Amino acid sequence: MTQHQKNLKNIVGTFAIEGMTISKATRSNLDRIGSGQASWQEVVDGLCLKYARK
């Protein structure tokens, strides 16, 4: 298991302890950032475009 996978597992676990869930899309975005497939800025920009259209 890579470090970013461990970090993602910890984030999901922390949310679960607090009674919250993380959507598949959020988990996917966190995985993309952690694996280097996308920067946090690219993810934020994509979300801004997605929600600006609605």
PDB file of N, CA and C in Angstrom:
ATOM      1  N   MET A   1       0.853  -1.178   0.000  1.00  0.00           N
ATOM      2  CA  MET A   1       0.000   0.000   0.000  1.00  0.00           C
ATOM      3  C   MET A   1       0.896   1.239   0.000  1.00  0.00           C
ATOM      4  N   THR A   2       0.597   2.154  -0.913  1.00  0.00           N
ATOM      5  CA  THR A   2       1.402   3.367  -1.010  1.00  0.00           C
ATOM      6  C   THR A   2       1.003   4.353   0.081  1.00  0.00           C
ATOM      7  N   GLN A   3       1.822   5.369   0.259  1.00  0.00           N
ATOM      8  CA  GLN A   3       1.545   6.372   1.292  1.00  0.00           C
ATOM      9  C   GLN A   3       0.233   7.102   1.025  1.00  0.00           C
ATOM     10  N   HIS A   4      -0.022   7.458  -0.240  1.00  0.00           N
ATOM     11  CA  HIS A   4      -1.278   8.181  -0.507  1.00  0.00           C
ATOM     12  C   HIS A   4      -2.486   7.285  -0.258  1.00  0.00           C
ATOM     13  N   GLN A   5      -2.376   5.988  -0.480  1.00  0.00           N
ATOM     14  CA  GLN A   5      -3.476   5.071  -0.178  1.00  0.00           C
ATOM     15  C   GLN A   5      -3.703   4.982   1.334  1.00  0.00           C
ATOM     16  N   LYS A   6      -2.629   4.976   2.092  1.00  0.00           N
ATOM     17  CA  LYS A   6      -2.738   4.970   3.558  1.00  0.00           C
ATOM     18  C   LYS A   6      -3.388   6.255   4.044  1.00  0.00           C
ATOM     19  N   ASN A   7      -2.974   7.377   3.470  1.00  0.00           N
ATOM     20  CA  ASN A   7      -3.557   8.673   3.851  1.00  0.00           C
ATOM     21  C   ASN A   7      -5.051   8.717   3.539  1.00  0.00           C
ATOM     22  N   LEU A   8      -5.431   8.223   2.358  1.00  0.00           N
ATOM     23  CA  LEU A   8      -6.837   8.209   1.972  1.00  0.00           C
ATOM     24  C   LEU A   8      -7.643   7.319   2.917  1.00  0.00           C
ATOM     25  N   LYS A   9      -7.098   6.177   3.257  1.00  0.00           N
ATOM     26  CA  LYS A   9      -7.766   5.269   4.194  1.00  0.00           C
ATOM     27  C   LYS A   9      -7.958   5.950   5.551  1.00  0.00           C
ATOM     28  N   ASN A  10      -6.954   6.698   6.009  1.00  0.00           N
ATOM     29  CA  ASN A  10      -7.054   7.425   7.274  1.00  0.00           C
ATOM     30  C   ASN A  10      -8.127   8.511   7.219  1.00  0.00           C
ATOM     31  N   ILE A  11      -8.211   9.215   6.102  1.00  0.00           N
ATOM     32  CA  ILE A  11      -9.221  10.260   5.945  1.00  0.00           C
ATOM     33  C   ILE A  11     -10.617   9.649   5.991  1.00  0.00           C
ATOM     34  N   VAL A  12     -10.818   8.565   5.239  1.00  0.00           N
ATOM     35  CA  VAL A  12     -12.120   7.901   5.217  1.00  0.00           C
ATOM     36  C   VAL A  12     -12.473   7.392   6.612  1.00  0.00           C
ATOM     37  N   GLY A  13     -11.497   6.820   7.312  1.00  0.00           N
ATOM     38  CA  GLY A  13     -11.719   6.328   8.663  1.00  0.00           C
ATOM     39  C   GLY A  13     -12.071   7.432   9.638  1.00  0.00           C
ATOM     40  N   THR A  14     -11.388   8.558   9.536  1.00  0.00           N
ATOM     41  CA  THR A  14     -11.665   9.694  10.411  1.00  0.00           C
ATOM     42  C   THR A  14     -13.083  10.212  10.184  1.00  0.00           C
ATOM     43  N   PHE A  15     -13.490  10.331   8.934  1.00  0.00           N
ATOM     44  CA  PHE A  15     -14.857  10.754   8.645  1.00  0.00           C
ATOM     45  C   PHE A  15     -15.857   9.757   9.211  1.00  0.00           C
ATOM     46  N   ALA A  16     -15.582   8.465   9.063  1.00  0.00           N
ATOM     47  CA  ALA A  16     -16.492   7.428   9.563  1.00  0.00           C
ATOM     48  C   ALA A  16     -16.655   7.520  11.076  1.00  0.00           C
ATOM     49  N   ILE A  17     -15.570   7.771  11.785  1.00  0.00           N
ATOM     50  CA  ILE A  17     -15.635   7.925  13.242  1.00  0.00           C
ATOM     51  C   ILE A  17     -16.576   9.055  13.618  1.00  0.00           C
ATOM     52  N   GLU A  18     -16.592  10.104  12.813  1.00  0.00           N
ATOM     53  CA  GLU A  18     -17.450  11.265  13.063  1.00  0.00           C
ATOM     54  C   GLU A  18     -18.860  11.077  12.505  1.00  0.00           C
ATOM     55  N   GLY A  19     -19.139   9.905  11.938  1.00  0.00           N
ATOM     56  CA  GLY A  19     -20.461   9.620  11.402  1.00  0.00           C
ATOM     57  C   GLY A  19     -20.720  10.222  10.041  1.00  0.00           C
ATOM     58  N   MET A  20     -19.655  10.548   9.321  1.00  0.00           N
ATOM     59  CA  MET A  20     -19.789  11.146   7.996  1.00  0.00           C
ATOM     60  C   MET A  20     -19.246  10.192   6.948  1.00  0.00           C
ATOM     61  N   THR A  21     -19.690  10.364   5.732  1.00  0.00           N
ATOM     62  CA  THR A  21     -19.167   9.569   4.626  1.00  0.00           C
ATOM     63  C   THR A  21     -18.552  10.495   3.592  1.00  0.00           C
ATOM     64  N   ILE A  22     -17.715   9.922   2.773  1.00  0.00           N
ATOM     65  CA  ILE A  22     -17.102  10.656   1.666  1.00  0.00           C
ATOM     66  C   ILE A  22     -17.664  10.062   0.382  1.00  0.00           C
ATOM     67  N   SER A  23     -18.146  10.913  -0.507  1.00  0.00           N
ATOM     68  CA  SER A  23     -18.719  10.425  -1.762  1.00  0.00           C
ATOM     69  C   SER A  23     -17.638   9.763  -2.610  1.00  0.00           C
ATOM     70  N   LYS A  24     -18.096   8.952  -3.559  1.00  0.00           N
ATOM     71  CA  LYS A  24     -17.163   8.296  -4.485  1.00  0.00           C
ATOM     72  C   LYS A  24     -16.378   9.332  -5.275  1.00  0.00           C
ATOM     73  N   ALA A  25     -17.053  10.417  -5.651  1.00  0.00           N
ATOM     74  CA  ALA A  25     -16.386  11.472  -6.425  1.00  0.00           C
ATOM     75  C   ALA A  25     -15.296  12.148  -5.598  1.00  0.00           C
ATOM     76  N   THR A  26     -15.589  12.422  -4.331  1.00  0.00           N
ATOM     77  CA  THR A  26     -14.591  13.048  -3.460  1.00  0.00           C
ATOM     78  C   THR A  26     -13.420  12.110  -3.234  1.00  0.00           C
ATOM     79  N   ARG A  27     -13.739  10.857  -2.998  1.00  0.00           N
ATOM     80  CA  ARG A  27     -12.672   9.864  -2.794  1.00  0.00           C
ATOM     81  C   ARG A  27     -11.803   9.760  -4.048  1.00  0.00           C
ATOM     82  N   SER A  28     -12.436   9.785  -5.207  1.00  0.00           N
ATOM     83  CA  SER A  28     -11.704   9.730  -6.468  1.00  0.00           C
ATOM     84  C   SER A  28     -10.799  10.958  -6.627  1.00  0.00           C
ATOM     85  N   ASN A  29     -11.325  12.144  -6.303  1.00  0.00           N
ATOM     86  CA  ASN A  29     -10.519  13.363  -6.405  1.00  0.00           C
ATOM     87  C   ASN A  29      -9.342  13.328  -5.447  1.00  0.00           C
ATOM     88  N   LEU A  30      -9.567  12.864  -4.221  1.00  0.00           N
ATOM     89  CA  LEU A  30      -8.463  12.748  -3.259  1.00  0.00           C
ATOM     90  C   LEU A  30      -7.417  11.755  -3.748  1.00  0.00           C
ATOM     91  N   ASP A  31      -7.870  10.670  -4.357  1.00  0.00           N
ATOM     92  CA  ASP A  31      -6.950   9.671  -4.887  1.00  0.00           C
ATOM     93  C   ASP A  31      -6.142  10.239  -6.051  1.00  0.00           C
ATOM     94  N   ARG A  32      -6.800  11.008  -6.918  1.00  0.00           N
ATOM     95  CA  ARG A  32      -6.100  11.643  -8.045  1.00  0.00           C
ATOM     96  C   ARG A  32      -5.020  12.606  -7.552  1.00  0.00           C
ATOM     97  N   ILE A  33      -5.341  13.383  -6.513  1.00  0.00           N
ATOM     98  CA  ILE A  33      -4.366  14.318  -5.951  1.00  0.00           C
ATOM     99  C   ILE A  33      -3.215  13.559  -5.309  1.00  0.00           C
ATOM    100  N   GLY A  34      -3.532  12.568  -4.493  1.00  0.00           N
ATOM    101  CA  GLY A  34      -2.507  11.816  -3.779  1.00  0.00           C
ATOM    102  C   GLY A  34      -1.582  11.025  -4.678  1.00  0.00           C
ATOM    103  N   SER A  35      -2.111  10.555  -5.810  1.00  0.00           N
ATOM    104  CA  SER A  35      -1.298   9.754  -6.717  1.00  0.00           C
ATOM    105  C   SER A  35      -0.528  10.606  -7.720  1.00  0.00           C
ATOM    106  N   GLY A  36      -0.799  11.909  -7.708  1.00  0.00           N
ATOM    107  CA  GLY A  36      -0.095  12.797  -8.628  1.00  0.00           C
ATOM    108  C   GLY A  36      -0.750  12.924  -9.994  1.00  0.00           C
ATOM    109  N   GLN A  37      -1.927  12.323 -10.174  1.00  0.00           N
ATOM    110  CA  GLN A  37      -2.621  12.422 -11.455  1.00  0.00           C
ATOM    111  C   GLN A  37      -3.192  13.819 -11.678  1.00  0.00           C
ATOM    112  N   ALA A  38      -3.443  14.537 -10.591  1.00  0.00           N
ATOM    113  CA  ALA A  38      -3.977  15.899 -10.681  1.00  0.00           C
ATOM    114  C   ALA A  38      -3.488  16.681  -9.475  1.00  0.00           C
ATOM    115  N   SER A  39      -3.358  17.972  -9.646  1.00  0.00           N
ATOM    116  CA  SER A  39      -3.006  18.839  -8.518  1.00  0.00           C
ATOM    117  C   SER A  39      -4.298  19.263  -7.818  1.00  0.00           C
ATOM    118  N   TRP A  40      -4.173  19.733  -6.600  1.00  0.00           N
ATOM    119  CA  TRP A  40      -5.371  20.193  -5.883  1.00  0.00           C
ATOM    120  C   TRP A  40      -6.022  21.341  -6.631  1.00  0.00           C
ATOM    121  N   GLN A  41      -5.206  22.169  -7.272  1.00  0.00           N
ATOM    122  CA  GLN A  41      -5.751  23.312  -8.010  1.00  0.00           C
ATOM    123  C   GLN A  41      -6.556  22.846  -9.214  1.00  0.00           C
ATOM    124  N   GLU A  42      -6.095  21.803  -9.907  1.00  0.00           N
ATOM    125  CA  GLU A  42      -6.849  21.271 -11.039  1.00  0.00           C
ATOM    126  C   GLU A  42      -8.204  20.726 -10.582  1.00  0.00           C
ATOM    127  N   VAL A  43      -8.211  20.044  -9.448  1.00  0.00           N
ATOM    128  CA  VAL A  43      -9.464  19.500  -8.911  1.00  0.00           C
ATOM    129  C   VAL A  43     -10.412  20.633  -8.532  1.00  0.00           C
ATOM    130  N   VAL A  44      -9.898  21.644  -7.841  1.00  0.00           N
ATOM    131  CA  VAL A  44     -10.731  22.781  -7.439  1.00  0.00           C
ATOM    132  C   VAL A  44     -11.269  23.509  -8.676  1.00  0.00           C
ATOM    133  N   ASP A  45     -10.431  23.726  -9.654  1.00  0.00           N
ATOM    134  CA  ASP A  45     -10.876  24.394 -10.883  1.00  0.00           C
ATOM    135  C   ASP A  45     -11.981  23.595 -11.569  1.00  0.00           C
ATOM    136  N   GLY A  46     -11.820  22.269 -11.619  1.00  0.00           N
ATOM    137  CA  GLY A  46     -12.835  21.415 -12.223  1.00  0.00           C
ATOM    138  C   GLY A  46     -14.157  21.486 -11.472  1.00  0.00           C
ATOM    139  N   LEU A  47     -14.085  21.514 -10.147  1.00  0.00           N
ATOM    140  CA  LEU A  47     -15.306  21.612  -9.346  1.00  0.00           C
ATOM    141  C   LEU A  47     -15.978  22.961  -9.545  1.00  0.00           C
ATOM    142  N   CYS A  48     -15.194  24.021  -9.623  1.00  0.00           N
ATOM    143  CA  CYS A  48     -15.766  25.355  -9.871  1.00  0.00           C
ATOM    144  C   CYS A  48     -16.493  25.390 -11.206  1.00  0.00           C
ATOM    145  N   LEU A  49     -15.890  24.811 -12.236  1.00  0.00           N
ATOM    146  CA  LEU A  49     -16.551  24.769 -13.547  1.00  0.00           C
ATOM    147  C   LEU A  49     -17.823  23.932 -13.492  1.00  0.00           C
ATOM    148  N   LYS A  50     -17.772  22.798 -12.825  1.00  0.00           N
ATOM    149  CA  LYS A  50     -18.928  21.905 -12.727  1.00  0.00           C
ATOM    150  C   LYS A  50     -20.107  22.605 -12.067  1.00  0.00           C
ATOM    151  N   TYR A  51     -19.866  23.273 -10.952  1.00  0.00           N
ATOM    152  CA  TYR A  51     -20.962  23.879 -10.217  1.00  0.00           C
ATOM    153  C   TYR A  51     -21.356  25.251 -10.750  1.00  0.00           C
ATOM    154  N   ALA A  52     -20.507  25.893 -11.518  1.00  0.00           N
ATOM    155  CA  ALA A  52     -20.853  27.190 -12.106  1.00  0.00           C
ATOM    156  C   ALA A  52     -21.879  26.997 -13.229  1.00  0.00           C
ATOM    157  N   ARG A  53     -21.876  25.824 -13.852  1.00  0.00           N
ATOM    158  CA  ARG A  53     -22.804  25.540 -14.950  1.00  0.00           C
ATOM    159  C   ARG A  53     -24.211  25.251 -14.469  1.00  0.00           C
ATOM    160  N   LYS A  54     -24.376  24.883 -13.224  1.00  0.00           N
ATOM    161  CA  LYS A  54     -25.708  24.473 -12.722  1.00  0.00           C
ATOM    162  C   LYS A  54     -26.576  25.660 -12.406  1.00  0.00           C
TER     163      LYS A  54
END
